[in-house]
Amino acid sequence: MRKKIALVSFMVIVMFFGSSAFPADHILSYDLPKSKGVQIGSEDARVHVGVKTKGLLDDNIYLSKSGKKLDYITILEPMIGVTVPFDDNRIMADYKFSGNFYSTYHKENHLDHMARGLVDLNFTEYKLTINDQYSMFTNRASMEDTERVQQQRNNFRAGFSTQRDRKLGFDVGYSNKIEDYFDKAKIYGELTYADRDSMSHIFDMQVLYNIAPKTTLILETDLGMIDYTSKLSSDSFYVEPLIGVQGKITNKIVANLRGGYRYQNYKKSDLVINTDYSSFVVRGGVDFTPTKDDLVNVVVERNSYESTYKNMNYYSGTFTKLSYTHNFGKDLSITPYGSYEINDYPKETTESGATKYRCDQLFDVGATAQYFMKEWISFEGGYTYKGKSSNFSEFDYGDNRVTLAVTVGY
């Protein structure tokens, strides 16, 4: 599986420059939004190169309930991106390497990688978009047991869209998602992290109708299949009809929001439970700009997520985040933010002699400040408090993080 995901990712990125969700024209745009890059040849193709150096003071590096360990972490992130526009089309690709080096607990040192690519082809009556994102990472906060487990993921999508007239449009696509764990430690009985390696196939169809010049109503249906490499895990298929809206709702409100229902049927496995999921789902967000210097952003998401906790096949997660950005002129901005997430599990489990349905509440609150000194250099500082409160108290933790960073590039 590991070799397969690496090969698939390499082929997609090299052959298609195949990325999902580029922030703008290149990977550096958040840290260096005014960077113009270096022009290649006579065309308007450009290369962007940069490096970000970050210092992170973390008072609970193991995300433990007690016996917290403090450490200072130096993070180096060299990055490179290329943009090749031609006519109304574009090809984009970028790569970021992240080295995390601990001052005291050296065994926690690790390397993360992310590569992305995008092909955007506009023809007379239709548009073809191919994107891919590959990442290899370790993140305790993303694990339900806060273990440091190296993972790799690859998300690929090919989409075909057409606009029949000024009001009606169609978009159909196929997505392939691969998740792979670099660990054979046992989770439950004979079940290991490696037994949770999976590949997903998703087919989506969207009907888009312009209800206003800058506002689109969306009817979407997603059909998905999740296949595991191990018989100990439970394969599944799901159907997810959605309705949503995207675009400019008013002069100050922009939305990209979908809501609907998801039914997911799990097959019987040798160990993992096969409880079905059936509930409403939502994803997306809203931007509100009361003034030209202020932005309020709300993000919401609710869905089912594959689980690595004991023999659970999934958990139901509801997430919301609120942030506010104020710009002090063109070069300085401050963003306070907060988020809240609640995760519920479908069957009872036992921890420390207590048997109940596990329920976790996760929250974080903090603020970041960013200063763009020149088009080739920016500074960033921030503080975040992350916490988890579970009805199984052994999963509780609190974590304070202070960061300072500088990015240089062109």
Protein backbone atom coordinates (compact mmCIF):
# COMPACT_ATOMS: atom_id res chain seq x y z
CA MET A 1 0.00 0.00 0.00
CA ARG A 2 2.82 2.37 0.94
CA LYS A 3 4.63 1.89 -2.36
CA LYS A 4 1.34 2.17 -4.23
CA ILE A 5 0.38 5.53 -2.77
CA ALA A 6 3.85 6.95 -3.40
CA LEU A 7 3.79 5.74 -7.01
CA VAL A 8 0.28 7.06 -7.65
CA SER A 9 1.17 10.44 -6.16
CA PHE A 10 4.38 10.71 -8.15
CA MET A 11 2.64 9.87 -11.43
CA VAL A 12 -0.17 12.34 -10.83
CA ILE A 13 2.09 15.22 -9.83
CA VAL A 14 4.65 14.67 -12.56
CA MET A 15 2.29 13.82 -15.41
CA PHE A 16 -0.56 16.19 -14.60
CA PHE A 17 1.10 18.61 -12.21
CA GLY A 18 -2.02 17.32 -10.72
CA SER A 19 -3.73 20.38 -6.43
CA SER A 20 -6.58 20.93 -4.47
CA ALA A 21 -7.20 24.26 -2.90
CA PHE A 22 -4.27 26.42 -3.90
CA PRO A 23 -4.53 29.51 -1.71
CA ALA A 24 -4.05 31.79 -4.73
CA ASP A 25 -1.37 31.66 -7.42
CA HIS A 26 1.22 29.76 -5.40
CA ILE A 27 1.94 28.16 -2.06
CA LEU A 28 3.64 31.29 -0.67
CA SER A 29 0.65 33.58 -1.14
CA TYR A 30 -0.40 33.56 2.53
CA ASP A 31 3.06 34.48 3.81
CA LEU A 32 4.19 36.54 0.81
CA PRO A 33 1.05 37.66 -1.05
CA LYS A 34 2.90 40.35 -3.02
CA SER A 35 5.66 38.06 -4.23
CA LYS A 36 5.87 38.13 -8.03
CA GLY A 37 8.29 35.23 -8.48
CA VAL A 38 10.81 34.82 -11.27
CA GLN A 39 9.59 34.84 -14.85
CA ILE A 40 10.51 31.84 -17.00
CA GLY A 41 11.22 32.52 -20.66
CA SER A 42 9.06 34.85 -22.70
CA GLU A 43 5.76 33.53 -21.33
CA ASP A 44 4.19 34.61 -18.05
CA ALA A 45 5.29 31.41 -16.30
CA ARG A 46 6.79 32.06 -12.89
CA VAL A 47 8.71 30.21 -10.21
CA HIS A 48 8.24 31.07 -6.54
CA VAL A 49 10.83 30.02 -3.97
CA GLY A 50 10.86 30.70 -0.25
CA VAL A 51 11.74 29.44 3.20
CA LYS A 52 9.86 29.86 6.46
CA THR A 53 11.63 29.61 9.81
CA LYS A 54 9.41 29.15 12.83
CA GLY A 55 10.11 28.91 16.55
CA LEU A 56 7.45 27.09 18.56
CA LEU A 57 7.30 26.93 22.37
CA ASP A 58 4.99 24.06 23.33
CA ASP A 59 4.24 23.27 26.98
CA ASN A 60 2.66 19.84 26.32
CA ILE A 61 4.38 18.19 23.37
CA TYR A 62 2.85 14.76 24.10
CA LEU A 63 -0.69 16.14 24.58
CA SER A 64 -0.89 14.30 27.90
CA LYS A 65 -3.34 14.83 30.75
CA SER A 66 -0.59 15.07 33.37
CA GLY A 67 3.20 15.11 33.46
CA LYS A 68 3.40 17.71 30.72
CA LYS A 69 6.69 18.10 28.84
CA LEU A 70 7.77 21.51 27.55
CA ASP A 71 10.07 21.94 24.57
CA TYR A 72 11.19 24.50 22.04
CA ILE A 73 10.79 23.36 18.45
CA THR A 74 12.57 24.83 15.44
CA ILE A 75 10.63 24.36 12.20
CA LEU A 76 12.22 24.92 8.78
CA GLU A 77 9.96 25.00 5.73
CA PRO A 78 11.61 25.46 2.34
CA MET A 79 9.06 25.65 -0.49
CA ILE A 80 8.92 26.01 -4.23
CA GLY A 81 6.04 26.59 -6.63
CA VAL A 82 5.55 27.10 -10.36
CA THR A 83 2.67 28.72 -12.25
CA VAL A 84 2.29 28.31 -16.03
CA PRO A 85 -0.66 30.24 -17.51
CA PHE A 86 -1.48 30.00 -21.21
CA ASP A 87 -4.52 31.57 -22.85
CA ASP A 88 -7.35 30.96 -20.35
CA ASN A 89 -5.64 27.89 -18.90
CA ARG A 90 -3.10 27.29 -16.15
CA ILE A 91 -0.83 24.63 -14.74
CA MET A 92 0.39 24.94 -11.17
CA ALA A 93 2.52 22.80 -8.88
CA ASP A 94 4.25 23.32 -5.56
CA TYR A 95 6.14 21.44 -2.86
CA LYS A 96 6.81 22.18 0.80
CA PHE A 97 9.17 20.36 3.12
CA SER A 98 8.84 20.82 6.88
CA GLY A 99 11.60 19.82 9.29
CA ASN A 100 10.61 19.79 12.98
CA PHE A 101 13.56 19.76 15.39
CA TYR A 102 13.07 19.49 19.17
CA SER A 103 15.59 21.08 21.50
CA THR A 104 15.26 18.54 24.34
CA TYR A 105 13.20 15.55 23.21
CA HIS A 106 15.14 14.74 20.05
CA LYS A 107 13.26 11.50 19.39
CA GLU A 108 10.28 13.66 18.47
CA ASN A 109 12.15 15.12 15.47
CA HIS A 110 10.25 14.45 12.25
CA LEU A 111 9.92 15.52 8.64
CA ASP A 112 6.67 16.41 6.85
CA HIS A 113 6.11 16.77 3.10
CA MET A 114 3.36 18.24 0.95
CA ALA A 115 3.17 18.30 -2.85
CA ARG A 116 0.27 19.71 -4.86
CA GLY A 117 -0.60 20.19 -8.48
CA LEU A 118 -3.37 21.63 -10.62
CA VAL A 119 -4.31 21.55 -14.28
CA ASP A 120 -7.10 23.96 -15.25
CA LEU A 121 -8.14 23.75 -18.93
CA ASN A 122 -10.88 26.00 -20.32
CA PHE A 123 -12.41 25.08 -23.64
CA THR A 124 -15.18 26.83 -25.54
CA GLU A 125 -18.10 25.07 -23.90
CA TYR A 126 -16.58 23.13 -21.02
CA LYS A 127 -13.80 23.08 -18.43
CA LEU A 128 -11.53 20.26 -17.27
CA THR A 129 -9.85 20.45 -13.85
CA ILE A 130 -7.40 17.89 -12.49
CA ASN A 131 -5.97 18.37 -9.03
CA ASP A 132 -3.98 16.34 -6.57
CA GLN A 133 -2.53 16.78 -3.10
CA TYR A 134 -0.05 14.46 -1.43
CA SER A 135 1.06 14.79 2.19
CA MET A 136 3.27 12.79 4.54
CA PHE A 137 3.02 13.95 8.14
CA THR A 138 2.79 13.20 11.86
CA ASN A 139 0.32 15.11 14.00
CA ARG A 140 -0.70 14.00 17.49
CA ALA A 141 -3.74 16.29 17.49
CA SER A 142 -5.15 14.48 14.45
CA MET A 143 -5.06 11.10 16.25
CA GLU A 144 -7.87 10.02 18.55
CA ASP A 145 -5.32 8.60 21.03
CA THR A 146 -2.74 11.43 20.49
CA GLU A 147 -0.05 8.92 19.48
CA ARG A 148 2.57 10.17 17.03
CA VAL A 149 1.87 8.02 13.98
CA GLN A 150 3.36 8.87 10.61
CA GLN A 151 0.77 8.94 7.86
CA GLN A 152 0.55 9.66 4.18
CA ARG A 153 -2.49 10.74 2.23
CA ASN A 154 -3.23 11.42 -1.40
CA ASN A 155 -6.36 13.21 -2.61
CA PHE A 156 -7.00 13.29 -6.36
CA ARG A 157 -9.94 14.69 -8.29
CA ALA A 158 -10.73 15.06 -11.97
CA GLY A 159 -13.73 17.24 -12.76
CA PHE A 160 -15.63 18.18 -15.92
CA SER A 161 -17.93 21.20 -15.93
CA THR A 162 -20.00 23.02 -18.51
CA GLN A 163 -22.24 26.08 -18.60
CA ARG A 164 -25.31 25.43 -20.74
CA ASP A 165 -26.44 29.05 -20.61
CA ARG A 166 -26.07 32.02 -18.31
CA LYS A 167 -28.11 30.35 -15.58
CA LEU A 168 -27.58 26.59 -15.73
CA GLY A 169 -24.35 24.65 -15.30
CA PHE A 170 -23.18 21.10 -14.58
CA ASP A 171 -20.11 19.65 -12.84
CA VAL A 172 -19.25 15.94 -12.59
CA GLY A 173 -16.14 14.50 -11.02
CA TYR A 174 -14.27 11.49 -9.73
CA SER A 175 -12.10 11.56 -6.60
CA ASN A 176 -9.62 9.01 -5.32
CA LYS A 177 -8.41 9.24 -1.72
CA ILE A 178 -5.69 7.05 -0.22
CA GLU A 179 -4.76 6.91 3.46
CA ASP A 180 -1.77 4.96 4.72
CA TYR A 181 -0.32 4.54 8.23
CA PHE A 182 3.39 3.89 8.81
CA ASP A 183 2.80 1.96 12.02
CA LYS A 184 1.85 -1.61 12.92
CA ALA A 185 1.26 -0.94 16.61
CA LYS A 186 -1.89 -2.62 17.88
CA ILE A 187 -5.06 -0.58 18.39
CA TYR A 188 -7.49 -3.25 19.58
CA GLY A 189 -6.90 -6.99 19.74
CA GLU A 190 -5.10 -7.92 16.53
CA LEU A 191 -6.13 -4.65 14.84
CA THR A 192 -3.20 -2.32 14.01
CA TYR A 193 -2.93 1.13 12.47
CA ALA A 194 -1.81 -0.54 9.24
CA ASP A 195 -5.15 -2.39 9.16
CA ARG A 196 -6.81 1.03 8.74
CA ASP A 197 -5.09 1.71 5.40
CA SER A 198 -7.81 2.53 2.89
CA MET A 199 -8.69 3.76 -0.59
CA SER A 200 -11.84 5.74 -1.34
CA HIS A 201 -13.62 6.22 -4.67
CA ILE A 202 -16.07 9.13 -4.85
CA PHE A 203 -18.29 10.19 -7.72
CA ASP A 204 -19.96 13.58 -7.50
CA MET A 205 -22.46 15.43 -9.66
CA GLN A 206 -23.51 19.06 -9.25
CA VAL A 207 -26.25 21.07 -10.89
CA LEU A 208 -25.62 24.82 -10.60
CA TYR A 209 -28.31 27.43 -11.15
CA ASN A 210 -27.63 31.18 -10.98
CA ILE A 211 -30.40 32.66 -8.86
CA ALA A 212 -28.71 36.08 -9.01
CA PRO A 213 -25.85 37.57 -11.08
CA LYS A 214 -23.24 36.56 -8.47
CA THR A 215 -25.11 33.87 -6.51
CA THR A 216 -25.42 30.18 -7.42
CA LEU A 217 -27.76 27.53 -6.07
CA ILE A 218 -26.15 24.06 -5.99
CA LEU A 219 -27.75 20.61 -6.02
CA GLU A 220 -25.11 17.95 -5.40
CA THR A 221 -25.03 14.18 -4.98
CA ASP A 222 -21.94 12.27 -3.82
CA LEU A 223 -21.54 8.50 -4.04
CA GLY A 224 -18.56 7.00 -2.24
CA MET A 225 -16.92 3.64 -1.53
CA ILE A 226 -14.24 3.10 1.12
CA ASP A 227 -12.15 -0.06 0.73
CA TYR A 228 -9.70 -1.26 3.39
CA THR A 229 -6.67 -3.41 2.70
CA SER A 230 -7.37 -5.54 5.79
CA LYS A 231 -10.33 -7.83 6.41
CA LEU A 232 -10.26 -6.74 10.04
CA SER A 233 -11.68 -3.35 8.98
CA SER A 234 -15.16 -2.62 7.67
CA ASP A 235 -15.59 -1.48 4.05
CA SER A 236 -18.49 0.83 3.31
CA PHE A 237 -20.40 2.81 0.70
CA TYR A 238 -22.34 6.04 1.16
CA VAL A 239 -24.72 8.38 -0.59
CA GLU A 240 -24.83 12.08 0.27
CA PRO A 241 -27.39 14.40 -1.37
CA LEU A 242 -26.73 18.08 -0.68
CA ILE A 243 -28.15 21.51 -1.42
CA GLY A 244 -26.10 24.67 -1.14
CA VAL A 245 -25.32 28.18 -2.19
CA GLN A 246 -22.11 29.87 -3.24
CA GLY A 247 -21.12 33.34 -4.34
CA LYS A 248 -21.89 36.87 -3.28
CA ILE A 249 -25.08 36.95 -1.24
CA THR A 250 -24.87 40.69 -0.54
CA ASN A 251 -22.19 43.32 -1.04
CA LYS A 252 -20.66 42.27 2.29
CA ILE A 253 -21.44 38.55 2.51
CA VAL A 254 -19.86 35.73 0.48
CA ALA A 255 -20.90 32.14 1.10
CA ASN A 256 -19.88 28.65 0.04
CA LEU A 257 -22.13 26.39 2.07
CA ARG A 258 -23.74 22.97 1.56
CA GLY A 259 -26.02 20.89 3.72
CA GLY A 260 -27.84 17.61 3.33
CA TYR A 261 -27.99 14.01 4.51
CA ARG A 262 -25.54 11.10 4.54
CA TYR A 263 -26.30 7.43 4.70
CA GLN A 264 -23.29 5.16 5.04
CA ASN A 265 -23.58 1.38 5.07
CA TYR A 266 -20.75 -0.65 6.60
CA LYS A 267 -20.03 -4.27 5.72
CA LYS A 268 -19.36 -6.89 8.37
CA SER A 269 -15.68 -7.31 9.24
CA ASP A 270 -13.71 -9.76 11.36
CA LEU A 271 -13.18 -7.26 14.19
CA VAL A 272 -14.36 -3.68 13.58
CA ILE A 273 -18.04 -2.95 14.24
CA ASN A 274 -20.33 -2.29 11.29
CA THR A 275 -22.80 0.25 12.70
CA ASP A 276 -24.28 2.35 9.88
CA TYR A 277 -24.18 6.14 9.85
CA SER A 278 -27.31 8.10 9.04
CA SER A 279 -27.53 11.80 9.81
CA PHE A 280 -27.59 15.33 8.44
CA VAL A 281 -24.28 16.79 7.23
CA VAL A 282 -23.01 20.28 6.45
CA ARG A 283 -19.79 21.84 5.19
CA GLY A 284 -18.56 25.24 4.09
CA GLY A 285 -18.42 28.75 5.41
CA VAL A 286 -19.40 32.40 5.20
CA ASP A 287 -17.24 35.54 4.91
CA PHE A 288 -18.59 38.86 6.18
CA THR A 289 -16.70 42.09 5.43
CA PRO A 290 -18.33 44.93 7.42
CA THR A 291 -15.56 47.31 6.27
CA LYS A 292 -12.68 47.12 3.81
CA ASP A 293 -10.29 46.45 6.71
CA ASP A 294 -12.35 43.82 8.54
CA LEU A 295 -13.22 40.22 7.75
CA VAL A 296 -15.34 37.82 9.81
CA ASN A 297 -15.12 34.18 8.75
CA VAL A 298 -17.33 31.32 9.94
CA VAL A 299 -16.57 27.68 9.05
CA VAL A 300 -18.88 24.75 9.84
CA GLU A 301 -18.59 21.03 9.17
CA ARG A 302 -20.50 17.96 10.27
CA ASN A 303 -19.99 14.46 8.91
CA SER A 304 -18.79 10.95 9.71
CA TYR A 305 -15.07 10.20 9.87
CA GLU A 306 -13.25 6.87 9.82
CA SER A 307 -11.93 6.00 13.26
CA THR A 308 -8.67 4.57 14.64
CA TYR A 309 -10.06 4.21 18.20
CA LYS A 310 -10.31 0.58 19.32
CA ASN A 311 -12.80 -1.29 17.11
CA MET A 312 -14.93 1.74 16.18
CA ASN A 313 -15.59 2.06 12.46
CA TYR A 314 -16.38 5.80 12.56
CA TYR A 315 -17.19 8.76 14.74
CA SER A 316 -19.61 11.62 14.10
CA GLY A 317 -17.89 15.00 14.19
CA THR A 318 -19.33 18.53 14.33
CA PHE A 319 -16.89 21.42 13.94
CA THR A 320 -17.25 25.20 13.89
CA LYS A 321 -14.66 27.97 13.76
CA LEU A 322 -14.99 31.74 14.04
CA SER A 323 -12.20 34.16 13.16
CA TYR A 324 -11.94 37.92 12.80
CA THR A 325 -9.20 39.72 10.86
CA HIS A 326 -8.48 43.42 11.09
CA ASN A 327 -6.01 45.08 8.74
CA PHE A 328 -3.99 48.01 10.04
CA GLY A 329 -3.14 49.55 6.70
CA LYS A 330 -1.73 47.33 3.95
CA ASP A 331 1.06 45.62 5.88
CA LEU A 332 -0.21 44.58 9.33
CA SER A 333 -3.10 42.31 10.29
CA ILE A 334 -4.29 40.68 13.51
CA THR A 335 -6.59 37.64 13.64
CA PRO A 336 -8.17 36.34 16.86
CA TYR A 337 -10.00 33.03 16.43
CA GLY A 338 -11.67 30.18 18.23
CA SER A 339 -13.07 26.77 17.35
CA TYR A 340 -15.17 24.06 18.92
CA GLU A 341 -15.58 20.42 17.91
CA ILE A 342 -17.60 17.56 19.37
CA ASN A 343 -17.01 13.92 18.36
CA ASP A 344 -19.44 11.11 19.23
CA TYR A 345 -18.85 7.36 18.89
CA PRO A 346 -21.55 4.85 17.84
CA LYS A 347 -20.92 2.05 20.39
CA GLU A 348 -20.01 1.75 24.02
CA THR A 349 -16.40 1.11 25.00
CA THR A 350 -14.63 0.58 28.30
CA GLU A 351 -11.83 2.71 29.75
CA SER A 352 -10.47 2.40 33.31
CA GLY A 353 -13.41 0.21 34.34
CA ALA A 354 -16.09 2.60 33.01
CA THR A 355 -18.32 1.62 30.08
CA LYS A 356 -20.09 4.30 28.03
CA TYR A 357 -20.36 5.99 24.64
CA ARG A 358 -17.19 8.03 24.16
CA CYS A 359 -17.74 11.76 23.55
CA ASP A 360 -14.88 14.22 23.03
CA GLN A 361 -15.02 18.01 23.04
CA LEU A 362 -12.10 19.81 21.41
CA PHE A 363 -11.53 23.54 21.39
CA ASP A 364 -8.84 26.05 20.64
CA VAL A 365 -8.56 29.79 21.03
CA GLY A 366 -5.80 32.15 20.03
CA ALA A 367 -4.61 34.98 17.86
CA THR A 368 -2.03 35.62 15.16
CA ALA A 369 -0.41 38.82 13.93
CA GLN A 370 1.27 39.15 10.54
CA TYR A 371 3.46 41.94 9.23
CA PHE A 372 4.44 42.21 5.56
CA MET A 373 7.64 44.23 5.72
CA LYS A 374 8.48 43.90 2.02
CA GLU A 375 7.14 41.85 -0.85
CA TRP A 376 9.91 39.29 -0.15
CA ILE A 377 9.76 39.11 3.67
CA SER A 378 7.01 38.73 6.29
CA PHE A 379 6.84 38.18 10.06
CA GLU A 380 4.26 36.27 12.05
CA GLY A 381 3.58 35.70 15.74
CA GLY A 382 0.84 33.97 17.61
CA TYR A 383 -0.54 32.18 20.64
CA THR A 384 -2.90 29.18 20.72
CA TYR A 385 -4.49 27.17 23.50
CA LYS A 386 -5.69 23.71 22.45
CA GLY A 387 -7.75 21.52 24.72
CA LYS A 388 -9.69 18.27 24.77
CA SER A 389 -12.37 17.30 27.29
CA SER A 390 -13.69 13.74 27.07
CA ASN A 391 -16.20 11.75 29.14
CA PHE A 392 -13.26 9.33 29.41
CA SER A 393 -11.01 11.68 31.35
CA GLU A 394 -7.79 9.90 30.37
CA PHE A 395 -8.11 11.53 26.93
CA ASP A 396 -8.19 15.09 28.37
CA TYR A 397 -5.35 17.52 27.70
CA GLY A 398 -4.49 21.20 27.53
CA ASP A 399 -1.71 22.67 25.41
CA ASN A 400 -0.29 26.21 25.17
CA ARG A 401 1.70 27.18 22.09
CA VAL A 402 3.59 30.37 21.28
CA THR A 403 5.05 30.88 17.79
CA LEU A 404 7.30 33.36 16.02
CA ALA A 405 8.07 33.00 12.33
CA VAL A 406 9.73 34.76 9.41
CA THR A 407 9.29 33.98 5.72
CA VAL A 408 11.58 35.15 2.93
CA GLY A 409 11.27 34.40 -0.77
CA TYR A 410 10.34 35.64 -4.19
